[in-house]
Amino acid sequence: MSAAATQALGWIATCVFVASYFFGRAASLRAAQMLGALLWIAYGLLIDSKPVIAANALVFAAAAWTAARTQFAASNPGQNGVNPAVD
């Protein structure tokens, strides 16, 4: 991939990440964070930067974990004493 395309990917990842802060719904925020993290991981691979890859793998995992936990709680009300309709 050319240097210009690599730079463009980095800027796109930046835009997606910043845009995630403007989403009102938590699910949309997490989806944007996960997309941004994947773009940053691709960028990190292209520039061979382990810290960029690791940091964004952690961001992706945290956003995915939170999304899965929220979805599980919503589909299993009252599980473990948590009822999202009440709490």
PDB file of N, CA and C in Angstrom:
ATOM      1  N   MET A   1       0.851  -1.171   0.000  1.00  0.00           N
ATOM      2  CA  MET A   1       0.000   0.000   0.000  1.00  0.00           C
ATOM      3  C   MET A   1       0.899   1.237   0.000  1.00  0.00           C
ATOM      4  N   SER A   2       0.491   2.234  -0.739  1.00  0.00           N
ATOM      5  CA  SER A   2       1.309   3.447  -0.835  1.00  0.00           C
ATOM      6  C   SER A   2       1.277   4.226   0.475  1.00  0.00           C
ATOM      7  N   ALA A   3       2.270   5.085   0.633  1.00  0.00           N
ATOM      8  CA  ALA A   3       2.349   5.920   1.830  1.00  0.00           C
ATOM      9  C   ALA A   3       1.127   6.831   1.933  1.00  0.00           C
ATOM     10  N   ALA A   4       0.644   7.334   0.814  1.00  0.00           N
ATOM     11  CA  ALA A   4      -0.529   8.216   0.818  1.00  0.00           C
ATOM     12  C   ALA A   4      -1.778   7.457   1.267  1.00  0.00           C
ATOM     13  N   ALA A   5      -1.926   6.228   0.798  1.00  0.00           N
ATOM     14  CA  ALA A   5      -3.085   5.418   1.193  1.00  0.00           C
ATOM     15  C   ALA A   5      -3.013   5.062   2.674  1.00  0.00           C
ATOM     16  N   THR A   6      -1.806   4.781   3.155  1.00  0.00           N
ATOM     17  CA  THR A   6      -1.621   4.474   4.572  1.00  0.00           C
ATOM     18  C   THR A   6      -1.987   5.689   5.419  1.00  0.00           C
ATOM     19  N   GLN A   7      -1.536   6.868   5.010  1.00  0.00           N
ATOM     20  CA  GLN A   7      -1.873   8.100   5.721  1.00  0.00           C
ATOM     21  C   GLN A   7      -3.380   8.342   5.694  1.00  0.00           C
ATOM     22  N   ALA A   8      -3.995   8.082   4.557  1.00  0.00           N
ATOM     23  CA  ALA A   8      -5.446   8.274   4.435  1.00  0.00           C
ATOM     24  C   ALA A   8      -6.182   7.346   5.406  1.00  0.00           C
ATOM     25  N   LEU A   9      -5.733   6.114   5.526  1.00  0.00           N
ATOM     26  CA  LEU A   9      -6.344   5.178   6.461  1.00  0.00           C
ATOM     27  C   LEU A   9      -6.239   5.700   7.890  1.00  0.00           C
ATOM     28  N   GLY A  10      -5.089   6.240   8.252  1.00  0.00           N
ATOM     29  CA  GLY A  10      -4.911   6.816   9.578  1.00  0.00           C
ATOM     30  C   GLY A  10      -5.865   7.975   9.828  1.00  0.00           C
ATOM     31  N   TRP A  11      -6.062   8.824   8.829  1.00  0.00           N
ATOM     32  CA  TRP A  11      -6.983   9.958   8.979  1.00  0.00           C
ATOM     33  C   TRP A  11      -8.435   9.500   9.039  1.00  0.00           C
ATOM     34  N   ILE A  12      -8.773   8.482   8.276  1.00  0.00           N
ATOM     35  CA  ILE A  12     -10.136   7.932   8.325  1.00  0.00           C
ATOM     36  C   ILE A  12     -10.400   7.334   9.700  1.00  0.00           C
ATOM     37  N   ALA A  13      -9.426   6.599  10.224  1.00  0.00           N
ATOM     38  CA  ALA A  13      -9.564   6.025  11.566  1.00  0.00           C
ATOM     39  C   ALA A  13      -9.751   7.130  12.605  1.00  0.00           C
ATOM     40  N   THR A  14      -9.011   8.209  12.458  1.00  0.00           N
ATOM     41  CA  THR A  14      -9.149   9.342  13.371  1.00  0.00           C
ATOM     42  C   THR A  14     -10.553   9.932  13.294  1.00  0.00           C
ATOM     43  N   CYS A  15     -11.053  10.126  12.096  1.00  0.00           N
ATOM     44  CA  CYS A  15     -12.399  10.698  11.916  1.00  0.00           C
ATOM     45  C   CYS A  15     -13.477   9.806  12.517  1.00  0.00           C
ATOM     46  N   VAL A  16     -13.367   8.505  12.298  1.00  0.00           N
ATOM     47  CA  VAL A  16     -14.360   7.573  12.853  1.00  0.00           C
ATOM     48  C   VAL A  16     -14.306   7.614  14.374  1.00  0.00           C
ATOM     49  N   PHE A  17     -13.116   7.610  14.929  1.00  0.00           N
ATOM     50  CA  PHE A  17     -12.973   7.629  16.389  1.00  0.00           C
ATOM     51  C   PHE A  17     -13.553   8.906  16.983  1.00  0.00           C
ATOM     52  N   VAL A  18     -13.225  10.055  16.405  1.00  0.00           N
ATOM     53  CA  VAL A  18     -13.751  11.321  16.912  1.00  0.00           C
ATOM     54  C   VAL A  18     -15.268  11.386  16.733  1.00  0.00           C
ATOM     55  N   ALA A  19     -15.762  10.924  15.598  1.00  0.00           N
ATOM     56  CA  ALA A  19     -17.210  10.941  15.335  1.00  0.00           C
ATOM     57  C   ALA A  19     -17.970  10.098  16.356  1.00  0.00           C
ATOM     58  N   SER A  20     -17.329   9.070  16.902  1.00  0.00           N
ATOM     59  CA  SER A  20     -18.022   8.198  17.860  1.00  0.00           C
ATOM     60  C   SER A  20     -18.507   8.978  19.080  1.00  0.00           C
ATOM     61  N   TYR A  21     -17.854  10.081  19.409  1.00  0.00           N
ATOM     62  CA  TYR A  21     -18.250  10.877  20.564  1.00  0.00           C
ATOM     63  C   TYR A  21     -19.542  11.661  20.335  1.00  0.00           C
ATOM     64  N   PHE A  22     -19.990  11.715  19.099  1.00  0.00           N
ATOM     65  CA  PHE A  22     -21.202  12.469  18.781  1.00  0.00           C
ATOM     66  C   PHE A  22     -22.441  11.581  18.684  1.00  0.00           C
ATOM     67  N   PHE A  23     -22.282  10.278  18.878  1.00  0.00           N
ATOM     68  CA  PHE A  23     -23.421   9.373  18.843  1.00  0.00           C
ATOM     69  C   PHE A  23     -24.161   9.437  20.168  1.00  0.00           C
ATOM     70  N   GLY A  24     -25.481   9.524  20.101  1.00  0.00           N
ATOM     71  CA  GLY A  24     -26.292   9.607  21.315  1.00  0.00           C
ATOM     72  C   GLY A  24     -26.587   8.251  21.936  1.00  0.00           C
ATOM     73  N   ARG A  25     -26.717   7.242  21.114  1.00  0.00           N
ATOM     74  CA  ARG A  25     -27.027   5.901  21.618  1.00  0.00           C
ATOM     75  C   ARG A  25     -25.734   5.158  21.939  1.00  0.00           C
ATOM     76  N   ALA A  26     -25.740   4.486  23.090  1.00  0.00           N
ATOM     77  CA  ALA A  26     -24.548   3.750  23.523  1.00  0.00           C
ATOM     78  C   ALA A  26     -24.156   2.682  22.512  1.00  0.00           C
ATOM     79  N   ALA A  27     -25.148   2.005  21.933  1.00  0.00           N
ATOM     80  CA  ALA A  27     -24.841   0.945  20.956  1.00  0.00           C
ATOM     81  C   ALA A  27     -24.136   1.518  19.728  1.00  0.00           C
ATOM     82  N   SER A  28     -24.570   2.692  19.289  1.00  0.00           N
ATOM     83  CA  SER A  28     -23.932   3.338  18.133  1.00  0.00           C
ATOM     84  C   SER A  28     -22.512   3.776  18.480  1.00  0.00           C
ATOM     85  N   LEU A  29     -22.340   4.288  19.688  1.00  0.00           N
ATOM     86  CA  LEU A  29     -21.012   4.688  20.151  1.00  0.00           C
ATOM     87  C   LEU A  29     -20.063   3.496  20.124  1.00  0.00           C
ATOM     88  N   ARG A  30     -20.512   2.368  20.678  1.00  0.00           N
ATOM     89  CA  ARG A  30     -19.652   1.177  20.708  1.00  0.00           C
ATOM     90  C   ARG A  30     -19.343   0.671  19.308  1.00  0.00           C
ATOM     91  N   ALA A  31     -20.341   0.682  18.432  1.00  0.00           N
ATOM     92  CA  ALA A  31     -20.110   0.228  17.052  1.00  0.00           C
ATOM     93  C   ALA A  31     -19.068   1.106  16.365  1.00  0.00           C
ATOM     94  N   ALA A  32     -19.177   2.414  16.552  1.00  0.00           N
ATOM     95  CA  ALA A  32     -18.203   3.332  15.948  1.00  0.00           C
ATOM     96  C   ALA A  32     -16.821   3.131  16.561  1.00  0.00           C
ATOM     97  N   GLN A  33     -16.767   2.918  17.878  1.00  0.00           N
ATOM     98  CA  GLN A  33     -15.474   2.661  18.526  1.00  0.00           C
ATOM     99  C   GLN A  33     -14.840   1.381  17.988  1.00  0.00           C
ATOM    100  N   MET A  34     -15.655   0.351  17.789  1.00  0.00           N
ATOM    101  CA  MET A  34     -15.122  -0.909  17.279  1.00  0.00           C
ATOM    102  C   MET A  34     -14.625  -0.746  15.843  1.00  0.00           C
ATOM    103  N   LEU A  35     -15.394  -0.023  15.014  1.00  0.00           N
ATOM    104  CA  LEU A  35     -14.953   0.227  13.641  1.00  0.00           C
ATOM    105  C   LEU A  35     -13.663   1.036  13.634  1.00  0.00           C
ATOM    106  N   GLY A  36     -13.619   2.091  14.433  1.00  0.00           N
ATOM    107  CA  GLY A  36     -12.406   2.905  14.515  1.00  0.00           C
ATOM    108  C   GLY A  36     -11.210   2.088  14.969  1.00  0.00           C
ATOM    109  N   ALA A  37     -11.418   1.229  15.964  1.00  0.00           N
ATOM    110  CA  ALA A  37     -10.324   0.388  16.462  1.00  0.00           C
ATOM    111  C   ALA A  37      -9.824  -0.556  15.372  1.00  0.00           C
ATOM    112  N   LEU A  38     -10.752  -1.136  14.606  1.00  0.00           N
ATOM    113  CA  LEU A  38     -10.326  -2.024  13.507  1.00  0.00           C
ATOM    114  C   LEU A  38      -9.520  -1.254  12.464  1.00  0.00           C
ATOM    115  N   LEU A  39      -9.949  -0.041  12.158  1.00  0.00           N
ATOM    116  CA  LEU A  39      -9.194   0.774  11.204  1.00  0.00           C
ATOM    117  C   LEU A  39      -7.809   1.110  11.752  1.00  0.00           C
ATOM    118  N   TRP A  40      -7.739   1.429  13.046  1.00  0.00           N
ATOM    119  CA  TRP A  40      -6.443   1.720  13.673  1.00  0.00           C
ATOM    120  C   TRP A  40      -5.555   0.474  13.694  1.00  0.00           C
ATOM    121  N   ILE A  41      -6.142  -0.685  13.914  1.00  0.00           N
ATOM    122  CA  ILE A  41      -5.354  -1.921  13.891  1.00  0.00           C
ATOM    123  C   ILE A  41      -4.767  -2.134  12.501  1.00  0.00           C
ATOM    124  N   ALA A  42      -5.592  -1.926  11.459  1.00  0.00           N
ATOM    125  CA  ALA A  42      -5.087  -2.057  10.085  1.00  0.00           C
ATOM    126  C   ALA A  42      -3.952  -1.065   9.839  1.00  0.00           C
ATOM    127  N   TYR A  43      -4.135   0.166  10.309  1.00  0.00           N
ATOM    128  CA  TYR A  43      -3.091   1.183  10.169  1.00  0.00           C
ATOM    129  C   TYR A  43      -1.829   0.759  10.912  1.00  0.00           C
ATOM    130  N   GLY A  44      -1.990   0.263  12.130  1.00  0.00           N
ATOM    131  CA  GLY A  44      -0.844  -0.209  12.915  1.00  0.00           C
ATOM    132  C   GLY A  44      -0.088  -1.332  12.226  1.00  0.00           C
ATOM    133  N   LEU A  45      -0.839  -2.231  11.585  1.00  0.00           N
ATOM    134  CA  LEU A  45      -0.185  -3.312  10.841  1.00  0.00           C
ATOM    135  C   LEU A  45       0.612  -2.755   9.662  1.00  0.00           C
ATOM    136  N   LEU A  46       0.036  -1.776   8.982  1.00  0.00           N
ATOM    137  CA  LEU A  46       0.717  -1.197   7.818  1.00  0.00           C
ATOM    138  C   LEU A  46       1.987  -0.448   8.196  1.00  0.00           C
ATOM    139  N   ILE A  47       1.973   0.203   9.347  1.00  0.00           N
ATOM    140  CA  ILE A  47       3.171   0.956   9.747  1.00  0.00           C
ATOM    141  C   ILE A  47       4.050   0.140  10.702  1.00  0.00           C
ATOM    142  N   ASP A  48       3.640  -1.097  10.954  1.00  0.00           N
ATOM    143  CA  ASP A  48       4.383  -2.020  11.829  1.00  0.00           C
ATOM    144  C   ASP A  48       4.602  -1.416  13.216  1.00  0.00           C
ATOM    145  N   SER A  49       3.476  -1.012  13.843  1.00  0.00           N
ATOM    146  CA  SER A  49       3.543  -0.406  15.173  1.00  0.00           C
ATOM    147  C   SER A  49       2.758  -1.252  16.169  1.00  0.00           C
ATOM    148  N   LYS A  50       3.493  -2.032  16.947  1.00  0.00           N
ATOM    149  CA  LYS A  50       2.850  -2.901  17.932  1.00  0.00           C
ATOM    150  C   LYS A  50       2.044  -2.127  18.976  1.00  0.00           C
ATOM    151  N   PRO A  51       2.512  -0.957  19.467  1.00  0.00           N
ATOM    152  CA  PRO A  51       1.694  -0.214  20.434  1.00  0.00           C
ATOM    153  C   PRO A  51       0.340   0.235  19.868  1.00  0.00           C
ATOM    154  N   VAL A  52       0.313   0.656  18.610  1.00  0.00           N
ATOM    155  CA  VAL A  52      -0.952   1.058  17.985  1.00  0.00           C
ATOM    156  C   VAL A  52      -1.872  -0.145  17.866  1.00  0.00           C
ATOM    157  N   ILE A  53      -1.329  -1.269  17.471  1.00  0.00           N
ATOM    158  CA  ILE A  53      -2.123  -2.488  17.334  1.00  0.00           C
ATOM    159  C   ILE A  53      -2.660  -2.928  18.699  1.00  0.00           C
ATOM    160  N   ALA A  54      -1.800  -2.987  19.693  1.00  0.00           N
ATOM    161  CA  ALA A  54      -2.205  -3.456  21.026  1.00  0.00           C
ATOM    162  C   ALA A  54      -3.250  -2.544  21.653  1.00  0.00           C
ATOM    163  N   ALA A  55      -3.018  -1.247  21.603  1.00  0.00           N
ATOM    164  CA  ALA A  55      -3.954  -0.300  22.215  1.00  0.00           C
ATOM    165  C   ALA A  55      -5.340  -0.425  21.592  1.00  0.00           C
ATOM    166  N   ASN A  56      -5.386  -0.560  20.289  1.00  0.00           N
ATOM    167  CA  ASN A  56      -6.678  -0.614  19.622  1.00  0.00           C
ATOM    168  C   ASN A  56      -7.318  -1.991  19.692  1.00  0.00           C
ATOM    169  N   ALA A  57      -6.528  -3.026  19.854  1.00  0.00           N
ATOM    170  CA  ALA A  57      -7.103  -4.347  20.126  1.00  0.00           C
ATOM    171  C   ALA A  57      -7.805  -4.316  21.483  1.00  0.00           C
ATOM    172  N   LEU A  58      -7.210  -3.621  22.448  1.00  0.00           N
ATOM    173  CA  LEU A  58      -7.842  -3.481  23.767  1.00  0.00           C
ATOM    174  C   LEU A  58      -9.111  -2.631  23.688  1.00  0.00           C
ATOM    175  N   VAL A  59      -9.088  -1.551  22.921  1.00  0.00           N
ATOM    176  CA  VAL A  59     -10.283  -0.722  22.738  1.00  0.00           C
ATOM    177  C   VAL A  59     -11.391  -1.557  22.090  1.00  0.00           C
ATOM    178  N   PHE A  60     -11.038  -2.303  21.053  1.00  0.00           N
ATOM    179  CA  PHE A  60     -12.034  -3.145  20.382  1.00  0.00           C
ATOM    180  C   PHE A  60     -12.613  -4.172  21.355  1.00  0.00           C
ATOM    181  N   ALA A  61     -11.747  -4.837  22.108  1.00  0.00           N
ATOM    182  CA  ALA A  61     -12.208  -5.860  23.053  1.00  0.00           C
ATOM    183  C   ALA A  61     -13.116  -5.254  24.124  1.00  0.00           C
ATOM    184  N   ALA A  62     -12.764  -4.087  24.641  1.00  0.00           N
ATOM    185  CA  ALA A  62     -13.580  -3.441  25.672  1.00  0.00           C
ATOM    186  C   ALA A  62     -14.942  -3.050  25.116  1.00  0.00           C
ATOM    187  N   ALA A  63     -14.970  -2.486  23.924  1.00  0.00           N
ATOM    188  CA  ALA A  63     -16.242  -2.085  23.318  1.00  0.00           C
ATOM    189  C   ALA A  63     -17.096  -3.312  23.001  1.00  0.00           C
ATOM    190  N   ALA A  64     -16.479  -4.367  22.497  1.00  0.00           N
ATOM    191  CA  ALA A  64     -17.221  -5.593  22.184  1.00  0.00           C
ATOM    192  C   ALA A  64     -17.746  -6.251  23.454  1.00  0.00           C
ATOM    193  N   TRP A  65     -16.930  -6.287  24.493  1.00  0.00           N
ATOM    194  CA  TRP A  65     -17.347  -6.867  25.771  1.00  0.00           C
ATOM    195  C   TRP A  65     -18.540  -6.096  26.349  1.00  0.00           C
ATOM    196  N   THR A  66     -18.445  -4.775  26.347  1.00  0.00           N
ATOM    197  CA  THR A  66     -19.530  -3.946  26.877  1.00  0.00           C
ATOM    198  C   THR A  66     -20.804  -4.134  26.060  1.00  0.00           C
ATOM    199  N   ALA A  67     -20.669  -4.189  24.745  1.00  0.00           N
ATOM    200  CA  ALA A  67     -21.839  -4.395  23.885  1.00  0.00           C
ATOM    201  C   ALA A  67     -22.475  -5.755  24.154  1.00  0.00           C
ATOM    202  N   ALA A  68     -21.659  -6.789  24.276  1.00  0.00           N
ATOM    203  CA  ALA A  68     -22.181  -8.133  24.536  1.00  0.00           C
ATOM    204  C   ALA A  68     -22.838  -8.207  25.907  1.00  0.00           C
ATOM    205  N   ARG A  69     -22.215  -7.598  26.903  1.00  0.00           N
ATOM    206  CA  ARG A  69     -22.764  -7.608  28.261  1.00  0.00           C
ATOM    207  C   ARG A  69     -24.105  -6.880  28.297  1.00  0.00           C
ATOM    208  N   THR A  70     -24.187  -5.756  27.629  1.00  0.00           N
ATOM    209  CA  THR A  70     -25.432  -4.990  27.581  1.00  0.00           C
ATOM    210  C   THR A  70     -26.521  -5.766  26.855  1.00  0.00           C
ATOM    211  N   GLN A  71     -26.163  -6.395  25.751  1.00  0.00           N
ATOM    212  CA  GLN A  71     -27.134  -7.186  24.987  1.00  0.00           C
ATOM    213  C   GLN A  71     -27.606  -8.378  25.808  1.00  0.00           C
ATOM    214  N   PHE A  72     -26.695  -9.035  26.527  1.00  0.00           N
ATOM    215  CA  PHE A  72     -27.070 -10.171  27.368  1.00  0.00           C
ATOM    216  C   PHE A  72     -28.029  -9.721  28.470  1.00  0.00           C
ATOM    217  N   ALA A  73     -27.725  -8.595  29.113  1.00  0.00           N
ATOM    218  CA  ALA A  73     -28.577  -8.096  30.190  1.00  0.00           C
ATOM    219  C   ALA A  73     -29.964  -7.736  29.663  1.00  0.00           C
ATOM    220  N   ALA A  74     -30.026  -7.167  28.475  1.00  0.00           N
ATOM    221  CA  ALA A  74     -31.310  -6.780  27.898  1.00  0.00           C
ATOM    222  C   ALA A  74     -32.148  -7.990  27.506  1.00  0.00           C
ATOM    223  N   SER A  75     -31.480  -9.067  27.071  1.00  0.00           N
ATOM    224  CA  SER A  75     -32.222 -10.254  26.645  1.00  0.00           C
ATOM    225  C   SER A  75     -32.491 -11.226  27.785  1.00  0.00           C
ATOM    226  N   ASN A  76     -31.908 -10.976  28.957  1.00  0.00           N
ATOM    227  CA  ASN A  76     -32.104 -11.839  30.114  1.00  0.00           C
ATOM    228  C   ASN A  76     -32.438 -11.014  31.349  1.00  0.00           C
ATOM    229  N   PRO A  77     -33.593 -10.335  31.338  1.00  0.00           N
ATOM    230  CA  PRO A  77     -33.924  -9.497  32.486  1.00  0.00           C
ATOM    231  C   PRO A  77     -34.031 -10.317  33.763  1.00  0.00           C
ATOM    232  N   GLY A  78     -33.543  -9.743  34.844  1.00  0.00           N
ATOM    233  CA  GLY A  78     -33.597 -10.422  36.131  1.00  0.00           C
ATOM    234  C   GLY A  78     -32.461 -11.390  36.371  1.00  0.00           C
ATOM    235  N   GLN A  79     -31.621 -11.616  35.376  1.00  0.00           N
ATOM    236  CA  GLN A  79     -30.479 -12.521  35.519  1.00  0.00           C
ATOM    237  C   GLN A  79     -29.476 -11.894  36.482  1.00  0.00           C
ATOM    238  N   ASN A  80     -29.003 -12.644  37.439  1.00  0.00           N
ATOM    239  CA  ASN A  80     -28.026 -12.170  38.428  1.00  0.00           C
ATOM    240  C   ASN A  80     -28.537 -10.954  39.198  1.00  0.00           C
ATOM    241  N   GLY A  81     -29.842 -10.867  39.359  1.00  0.00           N
ATOM    242  CA  GLY A  81     -30.414  -9.784  40.132  1.00  0.00           C
ATOM    243  C   GLY A  81     -30.415  -8.445  39.416  1.00  0.00           C
ATOM    244  N   VAL A  82     -30.080  -8.432  38.139  1.00  0.00           N
ATOM    245  CA  VAL A  82     -30.043  -7.183  37.388  1.00  0.00           C
ATOM    246  C   VAL A  82     -31.227  -7.168  36.426  1.00  0.00           C
ATOM    247  N   ASN A  83     -32.020  -6.151  36.495  1.00  0.00           N
ATOM    248  CA  ASN A  83     -33.127  -5.983  35.560  1.00  0.00           C
ATOM    249  C   ASN A  83     -32.952  -4.632  34.879  1.00  0.00           C
ATOM    250  N   PRO A  84     -32.502  -4.624  33.608  1.00  0.00           N
ATOM    251  CA  PRO A  84     -32.221  -3.358  32.945  1.00  0.00           C
ATOM    252  C   PRO A  84     -33.447  -2.464  32.821  1.00  0.00           C
ATOM    253  N   ALA A  85     -34.643  -3.050  32.903  1.00  0.00           N
ATOM    254  CA  ALA A  85     -35.847  -2.237  32.817  1.00  0.00           C
ATOM    255  C   ALA A  85     -36.074  -1.447  34.100  1.00  0.00           C
ATOM    256  N   VAL A  86     -35.469  -1.921  35.197  1.00  0.00           N
ATOM    257  CA  VAL A  86     -35.654  -1.278  36.499  1.00  0.00           C
ATOM    258  C   VAL A  86     -34.397  -0.532  36.923  1.00  0.00           C
ATOM    259  N   ASP A  87     -33.229  -1.144  36.735  1.00  0.00           N
ATOM    260  CA  ASP A  87     -31.963  -0.567  37.210  1.00  0.00           C
ATOM    261  C   ASP A  87     -31.457   0.526  36.311  1.00  0.00           C
TER     262      ASP A  87
END
